[in-house]
Protein backbone atom coordinates (compact mmCIF):
# COMPACT_ATOMS: atom_id res chain seq x y z
CA MET A 1 106.66 87.37 87.65
CA SER A 2 109.33 86.73 84.57
CA THR A 3 109.94 89.64 82.48
CA LEU A 4 111.40 87.54 79.98
CA LYS A 5 109.95 87.08 76.41
CA PRO A 6 108.80 83.68 75.35
CA PRO A 7 110.74 82.14 71.90
CA PHE A 8 107.18 82.21 69.96
CA ARG A 9 104.50 85.15 68.93
CA ALA A 10 100.81 84.34 68.14
CA ASP A 11 98.62 87.00 66.42
CA HIS A 12 95.06 86.60 66.21
CA VAL A 13 93.98 87.28 62.68
CA GLY A 14 90.41 87.12 62.13
CA SER A 15 87.88 84.11 62.10
CA LEU A 16 88.03 80.44 60.62
CA LEU A 17 86.70 79.85 56.87
CA ARG A 18 82.97 78.50 57.15
CA PRO A 19 82.62 74.75 55.88
CA GLN A 20 80.86 74.05 52.47
CA ALA A 21 77.96 73.09 54.30
CA ILE A 22 77.27 76.16 56.84
CA THR A 23 77.63 77.87 54.18
CA ALA A 24 74.71 76.40 51.75
CA ALA A 25 72.47 76.15 55.11
CA ARG A 26 72.90 79.46 55.94
CA LYS A 27 71.52 80.12 52.20
CA LYS A 28 68.98 78.40 52.68
CA HIS A 29 68.05 79.27 55.86
CA PRO A 30 66.28 83.31 55.04
CA GLU A 31 65.30 82.23 51.71
CA GLY A 32 62.62 79.77 53.62
CA ASP A 33 63.47 77.13 51.56
CA GLY A 34 62.38 74.65 54.29
CA LEU A 35 65.40 74.42 56.60
CA SER A 36 64.06 76.11 59.87
CA PRO A 37 66.37 77.51 62.55
CA ALA A 38 66.54 74.46 64.39
CA GLY A 39 67.85 72.71 61.20
CA LEU A 40 70.50 75.50 60.90
CA LYS A 41 71.75 75.09 64.16
CA THR A 42 72.13 70.97 63.97
CA VAL A 43 74.28 71.34 60.69
CA GLU A 44 76.59 74.23 62.77
CA ASP A 45 76.74 72.18 65.80
CA ALA A 46 77.59 69.32 63.45
CA GLU A 47 80.31 70.95 61.59
CA ILE A 48 82.60 73.07 64.02
CA PRO A 49 83.82 70.53 65.94
CA ALA A 50 85.78 69.61 62.47
CA LEU A 51 87.02 73.36 62.47
CA ILE A 52 88.33 72.98 66.14
């Protein structure tokens, strides 16, 4: 096993920022503005690949 340190460093500093579409969908969901749990999941599933 090597004891050399790699020439780079990576730190996990927190979560990714949510896209505006997810933020808006989460606001609509609990207020009963017609967005079902399945609708919220659809919005999240559509937006997540764009972040990655």
